[in-house]
């Protein structure tokens, strides 16, 4: 079973993680994988997770992405909150913060807000990647305009072929080339059948439609990558996915796999 997308780790921490398989070469000038720069004002709900104690100050301690779904609530990937990544349970990480309303991680734009509590989905399975989400509570609320609605089951935003956008501060080539400004890549929601063919449960991982969705470009070249984990996949103005896992970055026939947000809604409602 291959690993989920790795966070953007400092070199010393990265050595402890099993890397993704060799990625496809991204097109010259591509970002996120096949995307473009975007200002945070266009996606104020996209946030970065940070711990300078763990990951250093080169990228303001950024290691994963997240998305604000309420003024004091951020969703991210469960694997971002693992002991392997953080070095300790999230409640023991003294400087775990969310960087909000900041395009360039190295600027003084926006705010860095302390995470006061972290709840990791108890049903998360690190072997299958199912249930890959966590809920962070912020010590101070975000502005009202900095949140996005979650798409519930049956929302047309999940329909195959729907145009979607993934956001993040992660690897822009699949080769460990990290930028410090926000990027966005345009993809399309893919049919479950295509995702099941790509990930039938062998070495590349198993796609489970009930809790996952996949998106990308059948020809490759547009995708999330390392460091984007937990970040938002948005369609029709609503959150439909959280960056979770995949085989390489931007490979034809190996789309990115996302936690299906309708399943997050169901789980949080106790369904």
Protein backbone atom coordinates (compact mmCIF):
# COMPACT_ATOMS: atom_id res chain seq x y z
CA UNK A 1 0.00 0.00 0.00
CA UNK A 2 1.50 3.32 -1.04
CA UNK A 3 1.53 6.36 1.19
CA UNK A 4 -0.84 9.33 1.07
CA UNK A 5 0.52 12.62 -0.25
CA UNK A 6 3.37 13.60 2.07
CA UNK A 7 3.35 17.00 3.76
CA UNK A 8 5.98 19.60 2.92
CA UNK A 9 8.60 18.47 5.39
CA UNK A 10 11.90 19.95 6.43
CA UNK A 11 14.72 17.82 5.04
CA UNK A 12 15.49 16.13 8.33
CA UNK A 13 11.88 15.12 8.85
CA UNK A 14 11.36 14.15 5.21
CA UNK A 15 14.04 11.50 5.43
CA UNK A 16 11.86 9.57 7.84
CA UNK A 17 8.96 9.24 5.38
CA UNK A 18 8.59 6.85 2.48
CA UNK A 19 8.45 9.09 -0.65
CA UNK A 20 5.89 8.90 -3.42
CA UNK A 21 6.86 6.86 -6.46
CA UNK A 22 8.75 8.73 -9.18
CA UNK A 23 6.51 11.51 -10.53
CA UNK A 24 5.83 12.50 -14.11
CA UNK A 25 7.71 15.56 -15.34
CA UNK A 26 5.47 18.63 -15.14
CA UNK A 27 5.33 21.14 -17.98
CA UNK A 28 7.73 24.06 -17.79
CA UNK A 29 6.26 26.88 -15.73
CA UNK A 30 3.61 24.65 -14.15
CA UNK A 31 2.52 25.20 -10.55
CA UNK A 32 0.75 23.04 -7.94
CA UNK A 33 0.93 20.67 -10.93
CA UNK A 34 -0.21 22.34 -14.12
CA UNK A 35 -1.76 25.34 -12.38
CA UNK A 36 -1.18 29.05 -11.85
CA UNK A 37 -0.67 31.62 -9.08
CA UNK A 38 -3.78 32.82 -7.28
CA UNK A 39 -4.34 35.56 -4.71
CA UNK A 40 -5.81 34.54 -1.38
CA UNK A 41 -8.62 37.06 -1.88
CA UNK A 42 -10.01 34.69 -4.52
CA UNK A 43 -10.03 31.76 -2.07
CA UNK A 44 -9.99 33.19 1.48
CA UNK A 45 -11.05 29.83 2.95
CA UNK A 46 -7.77 28.17 1.84
CA UNK A 47 -5.36 28.02 4.78
CA UNK A 48 -1.89 26.63 5.50
CA UNK A 49 -0.99 24.52 8.53
CA UNK A 50 2.22 25.55 10.24
CA UNK A 51 4.67 24.47 12.94
CA UNK A 52 7.98 26.30 12.83
CA UNK A 53 9.32 24.20 15.69
CA UNK A 54 8.86 21.08 13.57
CA UNK A 55 9.37 22.33 10.00
CA UNK A 56 11.49 25.47 10.30
CA UNK A 57 10.92 28.98 9.03
CA UNK A 58 11.85 28.63 5.34
CA UNK A 59 8.18 28.30 4.39
CA UNK A 60 6.77 29.75 7.64
CA UNK A 61 6.56 26.20 8.98
CA UNK A 62 3.96 25.16 6.36
CA UNK A 63 3.51 21.40 6.03
CA UNK A 64 -0.10 20.81 4.92
CA UNK A 65 -3.16 22.64 3.69
CA UNK A 66 -6.62 23.11 5.14
CA UNK A 67 -9.94 24.78 4.48
CA UNK A 68 -12.14 26.92 6.73
CA UNK A 69 -15.75 25.66 6.85
CA UNK A 70 -16.75 27.82 9.81
CA UNK A 71 -15.20 30.88 11.42
CA UNK A 72 -13.46 28.72 14.03
CA UNK A 73 -13.33 25.36 12.21
CA UNK A 74 -10.78 24.13 9.67
CA UNK A 75 -10.81 20.75 7.92
CA UNK A 76 -7.59 19.02 6.92
CA UNK A 77 -6.33 15.49 6.24
CA UNK A 78 -6.09 13.06 9.15
CA UNK A 79 -2.64 11.95 7.98
CA UNK A 80 -1.41 15.54 8.47
CA UNK A 81 -2.11 15.13 12.19
CA UNK A 82 -0.23 11.85 12.56
CA UNK A 83 2.65 11.37 14.98
CA UNK A 84 4.85 10.53 11.98
CA UNK A 85 4.29 14.01 10.58
CA UNK A 86 4.08 16.10 13.75
CA UNK A 87 6.43 14.09 15.95
CA UNK A 88 3.78 14.05 18.70
CA UNK A 89 0.00 14.04 19.10
CA UNK A 90 -1.42 17.34 17.76
CA UNK A 91 -2.43 18.44 21.25
CA UNK A 92 1.24 18.29 22.28
CA UNK A 93 2.52 20.47 19.42
CA UNK A 94 2.94 23.84 21.10
CA UNK A 95 3.07 26.01 17.98
CA UNK A 96 0.51 24.29 15.72
CA UNK A 97 -1.13 27.15 13.83
CA UNK A 98 -3.31 27.96 10.85
CA UNK A 99 -2.04 30.67 8.49
CA UNK A 100 -5.08 32.47 7.10
CA UNK A 101 -5.58 35.19 4.46
CA UNK A 102 -1.95 35.01 3.29
CA UNK A 103 -0.96 34.49 -0.35
CA UNK A 104 2.81 34.45 0.18
CA UNK A 105 3.82 32.37 3.20
CA UNK A 106 6.82 34.64 3.81
CA UNK A 107 4.79 37.86 3.92
CA UNK A 108 3.12 39.45 6.94
CA UNK A 109 -0.30 39.35 5.29
CA UNK A 110 -3.22 37.85 7.21
CA UNK A 111 -2.97 36.10 10.58
CA UNK A 112 -1.39 33.09 12.21
CA UNK A 113 -4.00 31.57 14.52
CA UNK A 114 -3.28 28.99 17.20
CA UNK A 115 -5.06 25.64 16.94
CA UNK A 116 -6.79 25.16 20.28
CA UNK A 117 -8.05 21.61 19.62
CA UNK A 118 -7.63 18.90 16.99
CA UNK A 119 -10.07 16.03 16.42
CA UNK A 120 -8.88 13.25 14.13
CA UNK A 121 -11.52 11.01 12.58
CA UNK A 122 -11.38 7.83 14.72
CA UNK A 123 -12.41 5.80 11.66
CA UNK A 124 -9.40 6.94 9.63
CA UNK A 125 -7.54 3.93 8.25
CA UNK A 126 -3.92 4.71 7.38
CA UNK A 127 -3.62 1.46 5.43
CA UNK A 128 -6.52 2.12 3.06
CA UNK A 129 -6.56 5.96 3.36
CA UNK A 130 -10.31 5.81 4.05
CA UNK A 131 -11.77 8.52 6.31
CA UNK A 132 -8.78 10.83 5.84
CA UNK A 133 -10.00 13.97 7.60
CA UNK A 134 -9.47 15.91 10.81
CA UNK A 135 -11.19 18.91 12.38
CA UNK A 136 -9.19 21.79 13.87
CA UNK A 137 -10.68 24.36 16.25
CA UNK A 138 -9.14 27.83 16.12
CA UNK A 139 -8.36 29.93 19.18
CA UNK A 140 -9.61 33.07 17.36
CA UNK A 141 -12.36 33.25 14.73
CA UNK A 142 -11.80 34.08 11.08
CA UNK A 143 -13.76 36.82 9.30
CA UNK A 144 -17.22 35.73 8.19
CA UNK A 145 -16.21 35.89 4.52
CA UNK A 146 -13.35 33.44 4.99
CA UNK A 147 -15.43 30.24 5.02
CA UNK A 148 -16.84 27.97 2.32
CA UNK A 149 -19.92 25.75 2.30
CA UNK A 150 -19.53 21.97 2.22
CA UNK A 151 -21.32 20.09 -0.56
CA UNK A 152 -23.66 17.46 0.84
CA UNK A 153 -24.55 14.13 -0.75
CA UNK A 154 -26.43 14.53 -4.00
CA UNK A 155 -24.97 17.95 -4.74
CA UNK A 156 -24.46 18.41 -8.52
CA UNK A 157 -20.90 19.57 -7.79
CA UNK A 158 -19.96 15.88 -7.47
CA UNK A 159 -21.17 15.02 -10.98
CA UNK A 160 -18.42 13.52 -13.19
CA UNK A 161 -17.10 16.05 -15.67
CA UNK A 162 -17.68 19.00 -13.34
CA UNK A 163 -14.89 21.59 -13.44
CA UNK A 164 -13.10 21.88 -10.10
CA UNK A 165 -10.07 23.65 -8.65
CA UNK A 166 -7.52 22.42 -6.13
CA UNK A 167 -5.52 24.92 -4.05
CA UNK A 168 -2.24 24.63 -2.17
CA UNK A 169 1.30 25.71 -1.36
CA UNK A 170 2.81 22.32 -2.20
CA UNK A 171 5.25 20.82 -4.69
CA UNK A 172 4.93 22.39 -8.16
CA UNK A 173 6.72 19.71 -10.22
CA UNK A 174 6.52 16.46 -8.25
CA UNK A 175 10.26 16.69 -7.68
CA UNK A 176 10.35 18.51 -4.34
CA UNK A 177 10.15 22.04 -5.76
CA UNK A 178 8.09 24.02 -3.27
CA UNK A 179 6.87 27.55 -3.87
CA UNK A 180 5.88 29.89 -1.04
CA UNK A 181 2.87 31.48 -2.77
CA UNK A 182 -0.60 29.98 -3.21
CA UNK A 183 -1.30 28.07 -6.41
CA UNK A 184 -4.44 26.66 -8.03
CA UNK A 185 -4.85 23.89 -10.59
CA UNK A 186 -7.97 23.27 -12.68
CA UNK A 187 -9.15 19.66 -12.86
CA UNK A 188 -12.37 17.76 -13.51
CA UNK A 189 -14.29 15.37 -11.30
CA UNK A 190 -13.81 11.89 -12.75
CA UNK A 191 -16.25 8.95 -12.84
CA UNK A 192 -15.92 6.42 -10.03
CA UNK A 193 -15.29 3.70 -12.62
CA UNK A 194 -12.18 5.52 -13.87
CA UNK A 195 -10.88 5.91 -10.32
CA UNK A 196 -11.51 2.25 -9.52
CA UNK A 197 -9.56 1.23 -12.63
CA UNK A 198 -6.68 3.49 -11.60
CA UNK A 199 -6.60 2.20 -8.01
CA UNK A 200 -8.02 -1.36 -7.87
CA UNK A 201 -6.45 -2.24 -4.55
CA UNK A 202 -2.98 -3.34 -5.56
CA UNK A 203 0.33 -1.51 -4.98
CA UNK A 204 -1.12 1.87 -5.98
CA UNK A 205 -3.90 1.81 -3.36
CA UNK A 206 -7.64 1.12 -3.36
CA UNK A 207 -10.26 3.67 -4.36
CA UNK A 208 -13.43 3.54 -2.25
CA UNK A 209 -16.29 5.58 -3.81
CA UNK A 210 -18.27 5.91 -0.57
CA UNK A 211 -15.59 7.99 1.11
CA UNK A 212 -13.39 9.17 -1.76
CA UNK A 213 -13.59 10.97 -5.09
CA UNK A 214 -10.92 11.57 -7.68
CA UNK A 215 -10.20 14.44 -10.00
CA UNK A 216 -7.62 15.35 -12.57
CA UNK A 217 -6.97 15.37 -16.29
CA UNK A 218 -7.07 12.05 -18.18
CA UNK A 219 -3.92 13.21 -20.01
CA UNK A 220 -2.17 14.08 -16.76
CA UNK A 221 -0.39 17.32 -15.92
CA UNK A 222 -2.95 18.79 -13.49
CA UNK A 223 -2.98 17.58 -9.89
CA UNK A 224 -2.27 18.19 -6.24
CA UNK A 225 1.08 17.03 -4.87
CA UNK A 226 3.20 16.75 -1.70
CA UNK A 227 2.52 19.57 0.72
CA UNK A 228 -1.03 20.06 -0.58
CA UNK A 229 -2.52 17.40 1.73
CA UNK A 230 -5.69 18.51 3.48
CA UNK A 231 -6.22 21.38 1.06
CA UNK A 232 -9.50 22.15 -0.72
CA UNK A 233 -11.01 20.83 -3.94
CA UNK A 234 -13.80 23.23 -4.90
CA UNK A 235 -16.55 22.95 -7.53
CA UNK A 236 -19.53 25.23 -8.17
CA UNK A 237 -18.46 27.38 -5.23
CA UNK A 238 -18.64 24.53 -2.72
CA UNK A 239 -16.09 22.29 -1.02
CA UNK A 240 -16.22 18.76 -2.44
CA UNK A 241 -12.87 17.24 -1.48
CA UNK A 242 -9.76 17.33 0.72
CA UNK A 243 -6.42 16.43 -0.85
CA UNK A 244 -5.61 12.91 0.35
CA UNK A 245 -3.50 10.56 -1.80
CA UNK A 246 -2.49 9.38 -5.26
CA UNK A 247 0.27 7.79 -7.31
CA UNK A 248 2.91 10.36 -8.14
CA UNK A 249 1.74 13.82 -9.19
CA UNK A 250 0.07 14.72 -12.46
CA UNK A 251 0.46 11.29 -14.05
CA UNK A 252 -1.85 10.26 -16.89
CA UNK A 253 -4.10 7.48 -15.61
CA UNK A 254 -3.28 8.19 -11.95
CA UNK A 255 -5.65 10.94 -10.80
CA UNK A 256 -5.51 12.59 -7.40
CA UNK A 257 -7.74 11.04 -4.76
CA UNK A 258 -9.65 13.25 -2.33
CA UNK A 259 -11.66 12.67 0.82
CA UNK A 260 -15.31 13.03 -0.24
CA UNK A 261 -16.67 15.97 1.75
CA UNK A 262 -20.24 14.65 1.76
CA UNK A 263 -18.88 11.76 3.83
CA UNK A 264 -17.29 14.28 6.22
CA UNK A 265 -20.64 16.03 6.56
CA UNK A 266 -22.35 12.70 7.29
CA UNK A 267 -19.72 11.64 9.83
CA UNK A 268 -19.80 14.94 11.70
CA UNK A 269 -23.58 14.79 11.84
CA UNK A 270 -23.32 11.38 13.48
CA UNK A 271 -24.80 9.58 10.48
